[in-house]
Amino acid sequence: MSATEGTEAIDPAVPPSGTGCVECEEAGGWWFHLRRCARCGHIGCCDDSPEKHATAHYHATGHPVIRSFEPGEEWFWDYAKDELYVSGPELAPPACHPADQPVPGPAGRVPANWAETLR
């Protein structure tokens, strides 16, 4: 099965919720990498980030498929199947956070010892 099957998990017309992790933005936190829910467009931080909001979004909503929201990355992940897909349908733009947004980000909120705080 591919990420293009099971279209109930993916809505290609929904734009991303913003340019950064929704919950980290609200709380003044920071993230390592960003992930986009392929169903509703929610942007959450990856499991290497301190708060793991993309996975929390899956558990809260049941939306199983995410896509990387990093420049140059087009892969999808299906939490329900614990599977990686190298491609899937085109999602509404933008496909990634702004190229000038640092990783980790956002600028000004990443602690100097950020690498030590990850896993």
N, C-alpha and C. Protein backbone atom coordinates (compact mmCIF):
# COMPACT_ATOMS: atom_id res chain seq x y z
N MET A 1 0.85 -1.18 0.00
CA MET A 1 0.00 0.00 0.00
C MET A 1 0.89 1.23 0.00
N SER A 2 0.44 2.29 -0.65
CA SER A 2 1.22 3.53 -0.69
C SER A 2 0.46 4.64 0.00
N ALA A 3 1.14 5.76 0.22
CA ALA A 3 0.51 6.90 0.87
C ALA A 3 -0.61 7.48 0.01
N THR A 4 -0.66 7.15 -1.27
CA THR A 4 -1.73 7.66 -2.12
C THR A 4 -3.01 6.85 -1.94
N GLU A 5 -2.91 5.66 -1.37
CA GLU A 5 -4.09 4.86 -1.06
C GLU A 5 -4.63 5.31 0.29
N GLY A 6 -5.87 4.94 0.57
CA GLY A 6 -6.47 5.35 1.83
C GLY A 6 -6.66 6.85 1.88
N THR A 7 -7.26 7.41 0.85
CA THR A 7 -7.36 8.87 0.72
C THR A 7 -8.12 9.54 1.86
N GLU A 8 -8.84 8.80 2.68
CA GLU A 8 -9.51 9.41 3.82
C GLU A 8 -8.50 9.99 4.81
N ALA A 9 -7.25 9.54 4.75
CA ALA A 9 -6.20 10.03 5.65
C ALA A 9 -5.49 11.25 5.09
N ILE A 10 -5.75 11.57 3.82
CA ILE A 10 -5.05 12.68 3.17
C ILE A 10 -6.05 13.59 2.47
N ASP A 11 -5.93 14.89 2.71
CA ASP A 11 -6.73 15.87 1.99
C ASP A 11 -5.76 16.84 1.32
N PRO A 12 -5.46 16.63 0.04
CA PRO A 12 -4.46 17.45 -0.65
C PRO A 12 -4.83 18.93 -0.77
N ALA A 13 -6.09 19.27 -0.58
CA ALA A 13 -6.52 20.66 -0.75
C ALA A 13 -6.30 21.54 0.48
N VAL A 14 -6.06 20.93 1.63
CA VAL A 14 -5.93 21.69 2.88
C VAL A 14 -4.53 22.29 3.00
N PRO A 15 -4.44 23.61 3.17
CA PRO A 15 -3.12 24.24 3.33
C PRO A 15 -2.56 23.99 4.73
N PRO A 16 -1.26 24.18 4.90
CA PRO A 16 -0.67 24.03 6.24
C PRO A 16 -1.20 25.10 7.19
N SER A 17 -1.17 24.78 8.47
CA SER A 17 -1.71 25.68 9.48
C SER A 17 -0.84 26.91 9.73
N GLY A 18 0.37 26.90 9.24
CA GLY A 18 1.28 28.03 9.43
C GLY A 18 2.68 27.64 9.01
N THR A 19 3.66 28.37 9.51
CA THR A 19 5.04 28.10 9.13
C THR A 19 5.85 27.45 10.25
N GLY A 20 5.21 27.24 11.40
CA GLY A 20 5.88 26.63 12.54
C GLY A 20 4.93 25.75 13.32
N CYS A 21 5.45 25.05 14.30
CA CYS A 21 4.64 24.17 15.14
C CYS A 21 3.59 25.01 15.88
N VAL A 22 2.33 24.64 15.71
CA VAL A 22 1.22 25.39 16.30
C VAL A 22 1.39 25.52 17.81
N GLU A 23 1.59 24.40 18.49
CA GLU A 23 1.67 24.41 19.95
C GLU A 23 2.93 25.09 20.47
N CYS A 24 4.06 24.89 19.79
CA CYS A 24 5.29 25.56 20.22
C CYS A 24 5.16 27.07 20.05
N GLU A 25 4.52 27.50 18.97
CA GLU A 25 4.31 28.94 18.77
C GLU A 25 3.46 29.52 19.90
N GLU A 26 2.40 28.81 20.26
CA GLU A 26 1.50 29.28 21.33
C GLU A 26 2.21 29.33 22.67
N ALA A 27 3.09 28.37 22.94
CA ALA A 27 3.76 28.27 24.24
C ALA A 27 5.11 28.99 24.29
N GLY A 28 5.56 29.51 23.15
CA GLY A 28 6.87 30.16 23.11
C GLY A 28 8.02 29.17 23.10
N GLY A 29 7.74 27.94 22.64
CA GLY A 29 8.77 26.90 22.59
C GLY A 29 9.53 26.90 21.28
N TRP A 30 10.28 25.83 21.08
CA TRP A 30 11.09 25.69 19.87
C TRP A 30 11.02 24.26 19.38
N TRP A 31 11.45 24.03 18.15
CA TRP A 31 11.38 22.72 17.53
C TRP A 31 12.66 22.40 16.78
N PHE A 32 12.83 21.10 16.50
CA PHE A 32 13.96 20.65 15.70
C PHE A 32 13.55 20.59 14.23
N HIS A 33 12.61 19.73 13.89
CA HIS A 33 12.07 19.65 12.53
C HIS A 33 10.55 19.70 12.58
N LEU A 34 9.94 20.03 11.44
CA LEU A 34 8.49 20.18 11.38
C LEU A 34 7.85 19.10 10.53
N ARG A 35 6.63 18.74 10.92
CA ARG A 35 5.82 17.75 10.22
C ARG A 35 4.43 18.33 9.98
N ARG A 36 3.84 17.94 8.85
CA ARG A 36 2.52 18.46 8.45
C ARG A 36 1.51 17.32 8.40
N CYS A 37 0.37 17.49 9.08
CA CYS A 37 -0.69 16.51 9.00
C CYS A 37 -1.27 16.54 7.59
N ALA A 38 -1.31 15.39 6.94
CA ALA A 38 -1.79 15.32 5.56
C ALA A 38 -3.31 15.39 5.48
N ARG A 39 -3.99 15.30 6.60
CA ARG A 39 -5.45 15.38 6.63
C ARG A 39 -5.95 16.80 6.87
N CYS A 40 -5.40 17.48 7.89
CA CYS A 40 -5.94 18.79 8.27
C CYS A 40 -4.94 19.94 8.14
N GLY A 41 -3.68 19.65 7.82
CA GLY A 41 -2.68 20.69 7.63
C GLY A 41 -1.96 21.14 8.89
N HIS A 42 -2.31 20.57 10.04
CA HIS A 42 -1.67 20.96 11.30
C HIS A 42 -0.16 20.79 11.20
N ILE A 43 0.58 21.83 11.59
CA ILE A 43 2.04 21.75 11.64
C ILE A 43 2.44 21.47 13.08
N GLY A 44 3.19 20.39 13.26
CA GLY A 44 3.68 20.00 14.58
C GLY A 44 5.16 19.70 14.51
N CYS A 45 5.79 19.65 15.67
CA CYS A 45 7.23 19.36 15.71
C CYS A 45 7.47 17.85 15.77
N CYS A 46 8.62 17.44 15.28
CA CYS A 46 8.98 16.02 15.15
C CYS A 46 9.29 15.39 16.51
N ASP A 47 9.47 14.09 16.48
CA ASP A 47 9.76 13.35 17.71
C ASP A 47 11.16 13.59 18.26
N ASP A 48 12.02 14.24 17.51
CA ASP A 48 13.32 14.65 18.04
C ASP A 48 13.22 16.00 18.75
N SER A 49 12.10 16.68 18.60
CA SER A 49 11.87 17.97 19.26
C SER A 49 11.46 17.73 20.71
N PRO A 50 11.66 18.71 21.57
CA PRO A 50 11.34 18.50 22.99
C PRO A 50 9.89 18.08 23.27
N GLU A 51 8.94 18.62 22.52
CA GLU A 51 7.53 18.37 22.85
C GLU A 51 6.81 17.35 21.97
N LYS A 52 7.35 16.97 20.82
CA LYS A 52 6.78 15.92 19.97
C LYS A 52 5.31 16.17 19.61
N HIS A 53 5.00 17.39 19.18
CA HIS A 53 3.61 17.76 18.93
C HIS A 53 2.97 17.08 17.72
N ALA A 54 3.74 16.68 16.71
CA ALA A 54 3.14 15.99 15.56
C ALA A 54 2.56 14.65 16.00
N THR A 55 3.30 13.89 16.79
CA THR A 55 2.79 12.61 17.30
C THR A 55 1.61 12.84 18.23
N ALA A 56 1.68 13.86 19.07
CA ALA A 56 0.56 14.18 19.97
C ALA A 56 -0.70 14.50 19.16
N HIS A 57 -0.53 15.19 18.03
CA HIS A 57 -1.67 15.51 17.16
C HIS A 57 -2.29 14.22 16.62
N TYR A 58 -1.48 13.27 16.20
CA TYR A 58 -1.99 11.98 15.74
C TYR A 58 -2.81 11.31 16.85
N HIS A 59 -2.27 11.25 18.05
CA HIS A 59 -2.98 10.59 19.15
C HIS A 59 -4.28 11.32 19.50
N ALA A 60 -4.30 12.63 19.41
CA ALA A 60 -5.49 13.41 19.74
C ALA A 60 -6.57 13.34 18.66
N THR A 61 -6.16 13.25 17.40
CA THR A 61 -7.12 13.34 16.30
C THR A 61 -7.35 12.03 15.55
N GLY A 62 -6.37 11.13 15.61
CA GLY A 62 -6.46 9.92 14.80
C GLY A 62 -6.04 10.13 13.36
N HIS A 63 -5.53 11.32 13.03
CA HIS A 63 -5.03 11.57 11.67
C HIS A 63 -3.67 10.90 11.53
N PRO A 64 -3.57 9.80 10.78
CA PRO A 64 -2.35 8.99 10.82
C PRO A 64 -1.21 9.41 9.91
N VAL A 65 -1.47 10.17 8.86
CA VAL A 65 -0.43 10.43 7.88
C VAL A 65 0.12 11.85 8.01
N ILE A 66 1.45 11.94 8.07
CA ILE A 66 2.13 13.23 8.08
C ILE A 66 3.07 13.30 6.88
N ARG A 67 3.46 14.51 6.56
CA ARG A 67 4.49 14.72 5.54
C ARG A 67 5.54 15.64 6.15
N SER A 68 6.77 15.44 5.77
CA SER A 68 7.81 16.35 6.23
C SER A 68 7.46 17.76 5.78
N PHE A 69 7.75 18.74 6.62
CA PHE A 69 7.54 20.15 6.28
C PHE A 69 8.89 20.86 6.22
N GLU A 70 9.91 20.08 5.84
CA GLU A 70 11.27 20.59 5.70
C GLU A 70 11.60 20.78 4.22
N PRO A 71 12.35 21.84 3.87
CA PRO A 71 12.73 22.06 2.47
C PRO A 71 13.45 20.86 1.88
N GLY A 72 13.05 20.47 0.68
CA GLY A 72 13.70 19.38 -0.02
C GLY A 72 13.27 17.99 0.39
N GLU A 73 12.35 17.86 1.35
CA GLU A 73 11.89 16.55 1.81
C GLU A 73 10.43 16.35 1.38
N GLU A 74 10.16 15.21 0.75
CA GLU A 74 8.80 14.95 0.25
C GLU A 74 8.21 13.67 0.81
N TRP A 75 8.82 13.07 1.82
CA TRP A 75 8.35 11.79 2.34
C TRP A 75 7.12 11.95 3.25
N PHE A 76 6.38 10.86 3.32
CA PHE A 76 5.20 10.75 4.19
C PHE A 76 5.47 9.66 5.22
N TRP A 77 4.83 9.76 6.37
CA TRP A 77 4.90 8.74 7.40
C TRP A 77 3.48 8.41 7.83
N ASP A 78 3.19 7.13 7.97
CA ASP A 78 1.88 6.68 8.43
C ASP A 78 2.05 6.10 9.83
N TYR A 79 1.59 6.84 10.84
CA TYR A 79 1.71 6.39 12.23
C TYR A 79 0.97 5.07 12.45
N ALA A 80 -0.21 4.92 11.86
CA ALA A 80 -1.03 3.73 12.08
C ALA A 80 -0.34 2.47 11.57
N LYS A 81 0.41 2.59 10.50
CA LYS A 81 1.08 1.42 9.91
C LYS A 81 2.56 1.39 10.24
N ASP A 82 3.06 2.46 10.88
CA ASP A 82 4.48 2.55 11.20
C ASP A 82 5.31 2.35 9.93
N GLU A 83 4.90 3.11 8.87
CA GLU A 83 5.53 2.95 7.57
C GLU A 83 5.92 4.29 6.97
N LEU A 84 7.04 4.28 6.27
CA LEU A 84 7.54 5.43 5.54
C LEU A 84 7.20 5.27 4.06
N TYR A 85 6.75 6.37 3.42
CA TYR A 85 6.49 6.39 2.00
C TYR A 85 7.35 7.48 1.40
N VAL A 86 8.05 7.16 0.33
CA VAL A 86 8.95 8.14 -0.27
C VAL A 86 8.20 9.19 -1.09
N SER A 87 6.95 8.92 -1.43
CA SER A 87 6.18 9.91 -2.17
C SER A 87 4.70 9.73 -1.88
N GLY A 88 3.94 10.69 -2.30
CA GLY A 88 2.49 10.68 -2.12
C GLY A 88 1.92 11.80 -2.95
N PRO A 89 0.65 12.13 -2.72
CA PRO A 89 0.03 13.18 -3.52
C PRO A 89 0.61 14.56 -3.19
N GLU A 90 0.55 15.45 -4.15
CA GLU A 90 0.94 16.84 -3.91
C GLU A 90 -0.05 17.45 -2.93
N LEU A 91 0.45 18.15 -1.93
CA LEU A 91 -0.40 18.83 -0.97
C LEU A 91 -0.44 20.32 -1.31
N ALA A 92 -1.47 21.00 -0.84
CA ALA A 92 -1.61 22.44 -1.08
C ALA A 92 -0.35 23.16 -0.59
N PRO A 93 0.09 24.16 -1.34
CA PRO A 93 1.29 24.89 -0.94
C PRO A 93 1.06 25.72 0.31
N PRO A 94 2.16 26.08 0.97
CA PRO A 94 3.54 25.74 0.68
C PRO A 94 3.88 24.32 1.14
N ALA A 95 4.90 23.74 0.52
CA ALA A 95 5.31 22.38 0.81
C ALA A 95 6.27 22.30 2.00
N CYS A 96 6.79 23.45 2.44
CA CYS A 96 7.75 23.45 3.54
C CYS A 96 7.74 24.80 4.24
N HIS A 97 8.40 24.85 5.38
CA HIS A 97 8.54 26.13 6.07
C HIS A 97 9.43 27.04 5.23
N PRO A 98 9.40 28.35 5.48
CA PRO A 98 10.25 29.26 4.71
C PRO A 98 11.72 28.84 4.78
N ALA A 99 12.39 28.93 3.65
CA ALA A 99 13.80 28.51 3.57
C ALA A 99 14.70 29.29 4.51
N ASP A 100 14.32 30.52 4.84
CA ASP A 100 15.17 31.32 5.74
C ASP A 100 14.88 31.06 7.22
N GLN A 101 13.94 30.17 7.51
CA GLN A 101 13.66 29.80 8.90
C GLN A 101 14.72 28.79 9.35
N PRO A 102 15.42 29.06 10.43
CA PRO A 102 16.51 28.17 10.83
C PRO A 102 16.02 26.81 11.34
N VAL A 103 16.90 25.85 11.31
CA VAL A 103 16.67 24.53 11.88
C VAL A 103 17.80 24.28 12.87
N PRO A 104 17.51 24.10 14.15
CA PRO A 104 16.18 24.19 14.73
C PRO A 104 15.66 25.63 14.74
N GLY A 105 14.41 25.77 15.04
CA GLY A 105 13.79 27.08 15.00
C GLY A 105 12.74 27.22 16.07
N PRO A 106 12.11 28.36 16.14
CA PRO A 106 12.35 29.54 15.31
C PRO A 106 13.50 30.38 15.85
N ALA A 107 13.97 31.27 15.01
CA ALA A 107 15.07 32.15 15.40
C ALA A 107 14.71 32.89 16.68
N GLY A 108 15.68 32.96 17.58
CA GLY A 108 15.49 33.71 18.81
C GLY A 108 14.94 32.90 19.97
N ARG A 109 14.45 31.68 19.73
CA ARG A 109 13.88 30.88 20.82
C ARG A 109 14.62 29.57 21.07
N VAL A 110 15.61 29.28 20.27
CA VAL A 110 16.35 28.02 20.42
C VAL A 110 17.45 28.23 21.44
N PRO A 111 17.48 27.39 22.50
CA PRO A 111 18.53 27.57 23.50
C PRO A 111 19.91 27.24 22.94
N ALA A 112 20.93 27.88 23.49
CA ALA A 112 22.31 27.66 23.04
C ALA A 112 22.72 26.20 23.16
N ASN A 113 22.20 25.49 24.16
CA ASN A 113 22.55 24.08 24.37
C ASN A 113 21.52 23.13 23.76
N TRP A 114 20.86 23.55 22.69
CA TRP A 114 19.77 22.77 22.10
C TRP A 114 20.15 21.33 21.79
N ALA A 115 21.34 21.10 21.27
CA ALA A 115 21.74 19.73 20.90
C ALA A 115 21.78 18.80 22.11
N GLU A 116 22.13 19.34 23.25
CA GLU A 116 22.20 18.54 24.47
C GLU A 116 20.81 18.18 25.01
N THR A 117 19.79 18.93 24.61
CA THR A 117 18.44 18.70 25.13
C THR A 117 17.66 17.68 24.31
N LEU A 118 18.14 17.34 23.13
CA LEU A 118 17.45 16.38 22.28
C LEU A 118 17.78 14.97 22.74
N ARG A 119 16.84 14.10 22.65
CA ARG A 119 16.92 12.69 23.05
C ARG A 119 18.22 12.35 23.69
